[in-house]
PDB file of N, CA and C in Angstrom:
ATOM      1  N   UNK A   1      35.016  98.150  22.484  1.00  0.00           N
ATOM      2  CA  UNK A   1      35.704  99.132  21.666  1.00  0.00           C
ATOM      3  C   UNK A   1      35.725 100.492  22.355  1.00  0.00           C
ATOM      4  N   UNK A   2      34.666 100.772  23.116  1.00  0.00           N
ATOM      5  CA  UNK A   2      34.588 102.060  23.794  1.00  0.00           C
ATOM      6  C   UNK A   2      35.660 102.218  24.865  1.00  0.00           C
ATOM      7  N   UNK A   3      36.036 101.092  25.513  1.00  0.00           N
ATOM      8  CA  UNK A   3      37.060 101.165  26.554  1.00  0.00           C
ATOM      9  C   UNK A   3      38.418 101.529  25.962  1.00  0.00           C
ATOM     10  N   UNK A   4      38.692 101.108  24.729  1.00  0.00           N
ATOM     11  CA  UNK A   4      39.971 101.449  24.086  1.00  0.00           C
ATOM     12  C   UNK A   4      40.062 102.953  23.886  1.00  0.00           C
ATOM     13  N   UNK A   5      38.972 103.570  23.424  1.00  0.00           N
ATOM     14  CA  UNK A   5      38.982 105.021  23.236  1.00  0.00           C
ATOM     15  C   UNK A   5      39.138 105.739  24.573  1.00  0.00           C
ATOM     16  N   UNK A   6      38.515 105.190  25.603  1.00  0.00           N
ATOM     17  CA  UNK A   6      38.659 105.777  26.942  1.00  0.00           C
ATOM     18  C   UNK A   6      40.103 105.690  27.417  1.00  0.00           C
ATOM     19  N   UNK A   7      40.745 104.535  27.250  1.00  0.00           N
ATOM     20  CA  UNK A   7      42.135 104.373  27.680  1.00  0.00           C
ATOM     21  C   UNK A   7      43.095 105.234  26.868  1.00  0.00           C
ATOM     22  N   UNK A   8      42.842 105.368  25.581  1.00  0.00           N
ATOM     23  CA  UNK A   8      43.678 106.250  24.750  1.00  0.00           C
ATOM     24  C   UNK A   8      43.527 107.691  25.209  1.00  0.00           C
ATOM     25  N   UNK A   9      42.299 108.100  25.499  1.00  0.00           N
ATOM     26  CA  UNK A   9      42.073 109.460  25.993  1.00  0.00           C
ATOM     27  C   UNK A   9      42.769 109.705  27.323  1.00  0.00           C
ATOM     28  N   UNK A  10      42.708 108.717  28.233  1.00  0.00           N
ATOM     29  CA  UNK A  10      43.392 108.854  29.527  1.00  0.00           C
ATOM     30  C   UNK A  10      44.899 108.941  29.351  1.00  0.00           C
ATOM     31  N   UNK A  11      45.452 108.125  28.461  1.00  0.00           N
ATOM     32  CA  UNK A  11      46.901 108.143  28.266  1.00  0.00           C
ATOM     33  C   UNK A  11      47.368 109.452  27.638  1.00  0.00           C
ATOM     34  N   UNK A  12      46.585 109.996  26.726  1.00  0.00           N
ATOM     35  CA  UNK A  12      46.937 111.296  26.133  1.00  0.00           C
ATOM     36  C   UNK A  12      46.855 112.387  27.194  1.00  0.00           C
ATOM     37  N   UNK A  13      45.844 112.329  28.053  1.00  0.00           N
ATOM     38  CA  UNK A  13      45.707 113.309  29.124  1.00  0.00           C
ATOM     39  C   UNK A  13      46.898 113.249  30.085  1.00  0.00           C
ATOM     40  N   UNK A  14      47.297 112.049  30.475  1.00  0.00           N
ATOM     41  CA  UNK A  14      48.441 111.887  31.380  1.00  0.00           C
ATOM     42  C   UNK A  14      49.730 112.354  30.700  1.00  0.00           C
ATOM     43  N   UNK A  15      49.877 112.062  29.397  1.00  0.00           N
ATOM     44  CA  UNK A  15      51.055 112.522  28.660  1.00  0.00           C
ATOM     45  C   UNK A  15      51.115 114.041  28.622  1.00  0.00           C
ATOM     46  N   UNK A  16      49.972 114.688  28.476  1.00  0.00           N
ATOM     47  CA  UNK A  16      49.943 116.153  28.475  1.00  0.00           C
ATOM     48  C   UNK A  16      50.319 116.715  29.844  1.00  0.00           C
ATOM     49  N   UNK A  17      49.909 116.031  30.904  1.00  0.00           N
ATOM     50  CA  UNK A  17      50.291 116.463  32.253  1.00  0.00           C
ATOM     51  C   UNK A  17      51.809 116.386  32.424  1.00  0.00           C
ATOM     52  N   UNK A  18      52.414 115.272  31.986  1.00  0.00           N
ATOM     53  CA  UNK A  18      53.868 115.138  32.086  1.00  0.00           C
ATOM     54  C   UNK A  18      54.590 116.153  31.202  1.00  0.00           C
ATOM     55  N   UNK A  19      54.052 116.445  30.038  1.00  0.00           N
ATOM     56  CA  UNK A  19      54.648 117.446  29.155  1.00  0.00           C
ATOM     57  C   UNK A  19      54.583 118.825  29.799  1.00  0.00           C
ATOM     58  N   UNK A  20      53.467 119.140  30.425  1.00  0.00           N
ATOM     59  CA  UNK A  20      53.341 120.423  31.123  1.00  0.00           C
ATOM     60  C   UNK A  20      54.314 120.497  32.293  1.00  0.00           C
ATOM     61  N   UNK A  21      54.496 119.393  33.023  1.00  0.00           N
ATOM     62  CA  UNK A  21      55.448 119.372  34.135  1.00  0.00           C
ATOM     63  C   UNK A  21      56.872 119.565  33.632  1.00  0.00           C
ATOM     64  N   UNK A  22      57.201 118.987  32.481  1.00  0.00           N
ATOM     65  CA  UNK A  22      58.528 119.162  31.899  1.00  0.00           C
ATOM     66  C   UNK A  22      58.770 120.613  31.518  1.00  0.00           C
ATOM     67  N   UNK A  23      57.803 121.231  30.856  1.00  0.00           N
ATOM     68  CA  UNK A  23      57.952 122.642  30.476  1.00  0.00           C
ATOM     69  C   UNK A  23      58.033 123.540  31.706  1.00  0.00           C
ATOM     70  N   UNK A  24      57.270 123.222  32.745  1.00  0.00           N
ATOM     71  CA  UNK A  24      57.342 124.004  33.987  1.00  0.00           C
ATOM     72  C   UNK A  24      58.722 123.882  34.617  1.00  0.00           C
ATOM     73  N   UNK A  25      59.296 122.678  34.620  1.00  0.00           N
ATOM     74  CA  UNK A  25      60.632 122.475  35.194  1.00  0.00           C
ATOM     75  C   UNK A  25      61.675 123.256  34.415  1.00  0.00           C
ATOM     76  N   UNK A  26      61.550 123.300  33.099  1.00  0.00           N
ATOM     77  CA  UNK A  26      62.492 124.081  32.299  1.00  0.00           C
ATOM     78  C   UNK A  26      62.331 125.568  32.551  1.00  0.00           C
ATOM     79  N   UNK A  27      61.116 126.008  32.710  1.00  0.00           N
ATOM     80  CA  UNK A  27      60.855 127.435  32.917  1.00  0.00           C
ATOM     81  C   UNK A  27      61.382 127.910  34.264  1.00  0.00           C
ATOM     82  N   UNK A  28      61.321 127.050  35.287  1.00  0.00           N
ATOM     83  CA  UNK A  28      61.772 127.452  36.618  1.00  0.00           C
ATOM     84  C   UNK A  28      63.255 127.212  36.844  1.00  0.00           C
ATOM     85  N   UNK A  29      63.976 126.689  35.846  1.00  0.00           N
ATOM     86  CA  UNK A  29      65.424 126.566  35.952  1.00  0.00           C
ATOM     87  C   UNK A  29      65.918 125.278  36.565  1.00  0.00           C
ATOM     88  N   UNK A  30      65.163 124.221  36.507  1.00  0.00           N
ATOM     89  CA  UNK A  30      65.576 122.949  37.085  1.00  0.00           C
ATOM     90  C   UNK A  30      66.758 122.336  36.340  1.00  0.00           C
ATOM     91  N   UNK A  31      66.907 122.640  35.061  1.00  0.00           N
ATOM     92  CA  UNK A  31      67.924 121.987  34.246  1.00  0.00           C
ATOM     93  C   UNK A  31      69.069 122.935  33.855  1.00  0.00           C
ATOM     94  N   UNK A  32      69.231 124.032  34.544  1.00  0.00           N
ATOM     95  CA  UNK A  32      70.254 125.000  34.161  1.00  0.00           C
ATOM     96  C   UNK A  32      71.647 124.613  34.632  1.00  0.00           C
ATOM     97  N   UNK A  33      71.790 124.053  35.824  1.00  0.00           N
ATOM     98  CA  UNK A  33      73.099 123.728  36.363  1.00  0.00           C
ATOM     99  C   UNK A  33      73.429 122.272  36.062  1.00  0.00           C
ATOM    100  N   UNK A  34      74.187 122.050  35.007  1.00  0.00           N
ATOM    101  CA  UNK A  34      74.553 120.683  34.648  1.00  0.00           C
ATOM    102  C   UNK A  34      75.969 120.336  35.091  1.00  0.00           C
ATOM    103  N   UNK A  35      76.728 121.316  35.579  1.00  0.00           N
ATOM    104  CA  UNK A  35      78.117 121.066  35.947  1.00  0.00           C
ATOM    105  C   UNK A  35      78.259 120.619  37.397  1.00  0.00           C
ATOM    106  N   UNK A  36      77.583 121.270  38.324  1.00  0.00           N
ATOM    107  CA  UNK A  36      77.772 121.009  39.753  1.00  0.00           C
ATOM    108  C   UNK A  36      77.456 119.559  40.146  1.00  0.00           C
ATOM    109  N   UNK A  37      76.380 118.956  39.693  1.00  0.00           N
ATOM    110  CA  UNK A  37      76.133 117.577  40.115  1.00  0.00           C
ATOM    111  C   UNK A  37      77.236 116.602  39.705  1.00  0.00           C
ATOM    112  N   UNK A  38      77.903 116.873  38.601  1.00  0.00           N
ATOM    113  CA  UNK A  38      78.944 115.957  38.151  1.00  0.00           C
ATOM    114  C   UNK A  38      80.215 116.058  38.984  1.00  0.00           C
ATOM    115  N   UNK A  39      80.456 117.200  39.632  1.00  0.00           N
ATOM    116  CA  UNK A  39      81.671 117.335  40.441  1.00  0.00           C
ATOM    117  C   UNK A  39      81.373 117.330  41.937  1.00  0.00           C
ATOM    118  N   UNK A  40      80.124 117.190  42.316  1.00  0.00           N
ATOM    119  CA  UNK A  40      79.762 117.188  43.733  1.00  0.00           C
ATOM    120  C   UNK A  40      80.423 116.037  44.481  1.00  0.00           C
ATOM    121  N   UNK A  41      80.638 114.920  43.810  1.00  0.00           N
ATOM    122  CA  UNK A  41      81.270 113.767  44.434  1.00  0.00           C
ATOM    123  C   UNK A  41      82.718 114.075  44.821  1.00  0.00           C
ATOM    124  N   UNK A  42      83.332 115.043  44.172  1.00  0.00           N
ATOM    125  CA  UNK A  42      84.726 115.370  44.439  1.00  0.00           C
ATOM    126  C   UNK A  42      84.900 116.300  45.635  1.00  0.00           C
ATOM    127  N   UNK A  43      83.826 116.944  46.083  1.00  0.00           N
ATOM    128  CA  UNK A  43      83.922 117.858  47.214  1.00  0.00           C
ATOM    129  C   UNK A  43      84.102 117.077  48.506  1.00  0.00           C
ATOM    130  N   UNK A  44      84.884 117.643  49.429  1.00  0.00           N
ATOM    131  CA  UNK A  44      85.059 117.012  50.736  1.00  0.00           C
ATOM    132  C   UNK A  44      83.807 117.187  51.571  1.00  0.00           C
ATOM    133  N   UNK A  45      83.571 116.224  52.460  1.00  0.00           N
ATOM    134  CA  UNK A  45      82.449 116.340  53.380  1.00  0.00           C
ATOM    135  C   UNK A  45      82.759 117.412  54.408  1.00  0.00           C
ATOM    136  N   UNK A  46      81.722 118.031  54.944  1.00  0.00           N
ATOM    137  CA  UNK A  46      81.914 119.047  55.967  1.00  0.00           C
ATOM    138  C   UNK A  46      82.371 118.386  57.262  1.00  0.00           C
ATOM    139  N   UNK A  47      83.277 119.060  57.956  1.00  0.00           N
ATOM    140  CA  UNK A  47      83.815 118.540  59.208  1.00  0.00           C
ATOM    141  C   UNK A  47      82.816 118.823  60.320  1.00  0.00           C
ATOM    142  N   UNK A  48      82.609 117.827  61.204  1.00  0.00           N
ATOM    143  CA  UNK A  48      81.697 118.024  62.332  1.00  0.00           C
ATOM    144  C   UNK A  48      82.301 119.019  63.307  1.00  0.00           C
ATOM    145  N   UNK A  49      81.452 119.742  63.983  1.00  0.00           N
ATOM    146  CA  UNK A  49      81.933 120.683  64.984  1.00  0.00           C
ATOM    147  C   UNK A  49      82.519 119.928  66.165  1.00  0.00           C
ATOM    148  N   UNK A  50      83.451 120.577  66.892  1.00  0.00           N
ATOM    149  CA  UNK A  50      84.113 119.917  68.013  1.00  0.00           C
ATOM    150  C   UNK A  50      83.136 119.593  69.143  1.00  0.00           C
ATOM    151  N   UNK A  51      82.159 120.435  69.343  1.00  0.00           N
ATOM    152  CA  UNK A  51      81.202 120.204  70.424  1.00  0.00           C
ATOM    153  C   UNK A  51      80.472 118.872  70.241  1.00  0.00           C
ATOM    154  N   UNK A  52      80.091 118.591  69.015  1.00  0.00           N
ATOM    155  CA  UNK A  52      79.377 117.348  68.761  1.00  0.00           C
ATOM    156  C   UNK A  52      80.292 116.141  68.939  1.00  0.00           C
ATOM    157  N   UNK A  53      81.533 116.248  68.517  1.00  0.00           N
ATOM    158  CA  UNK A  53      82.434 115.107  68.644  1.00  0.00           C
ATOM    159  C   UNK A  53      82.792 114.869  70.105  1.00  0.00           C
ATOM    160  N   UNK A  54      82.912 115.929  70.919  1.00  0.00           N
ATOM    161  CA  UNK A  54      83.195 115.766  72.344  1.00  0.00           C
ATOM    162  C   UNK A  54      82.017 115.084  73.043  1.00  0.00           C
ATOM    163  N   UNK A  55      80.796 115.457  72.681  1.00  0.00           N
ATOM    164  CA  UNK A  55      79.617 114.841  73.284  1.00  0.00           C
ATOM    165  C   UNK A  55      79.560 113.357  72.945  1.00  0.00           C
ATOM    166  N   UNK A  56      79.913 113.023  71.723  1.00  0.00           N
ATOM    167  CA  UNK A  56      79.886 111.616  71.319  1.00  0.00           C
ATOM    168  C   UNK A  56      80.932 110.809  72.066  1.00  0.00           C
ATOM    169  N   UNK A  57      82.094 111.393  72.335  1.00  0.00           N
ATOM    170  CA  UNK A  57      83.140 110.691  73.083  1.00  0.00           C
ATOM    171  C   UNK A  57      82.692 110.435  74.505  1.00  0.00           C
ATOM    172  N   UNK A  58      82.048 111.440  75.131  1.00  0.00           N
ATOM    173  CA  UNK A  58      81.577 111.292  76.496  1.00  0.00           C
ATOM    174  C   UNK A  58      80.494 110.222  76.586  1.00  0.00           C
ATOM    175  N   UNK A  59      79.642 110.123  75.591  1.00  0.00           N
ATOM    176  CA  UNK A  59      78.575 109.123  75.627  1.00  0.00           C
ATOM    177  C   UNK A  59      79.150 107.709  75.513  1.00  0.00           C
ATOM    178  N   UNK A  60      80.232 107.547  74.738  1.00  0.00           N
ATOM    179  CA  UNK A  60      80.821 106.236  74.565  1.00  0.00           C
ATOM    180  C   UNK A  60      81.518 105.761  75.827  1.00  0.00           C
ATOM    181  N   UNK A  61      82.069 106.714  76.628  1.00  0.00           N
ATOM    182  CA  UNK A  61      82.790 106.371  77.835  1.00  0.00           C
ATOM    183  C   UNK A  61      81.825 105.899  78.902  1.00  0.00           C
ATOM    184  N   UNK A  62      80.649 106.508  78.967  1.00  0.00           N
ATOM    185  CA  UNK A  62      79.685 106.177  80.016  1.00  0.00           C
ATOM    186  C   UNK A  62      79.173 104.830  79.886  1.00  0.00           C
TER     187      UNK A  62
END
């Protein structure tokens, strides 16, 4: 019976840690930007610089 009380105490302690982490994330602004992640897929990828593409072409020829 004592082990059940120990496990309940551990689970409550871990739940409090997760609750504190959630409140910390809200306080630091982790959940403020809800729009950008939903449209990030629509943005074009950045174009590679010409220097890198020229180097890759030269390596393929060799």
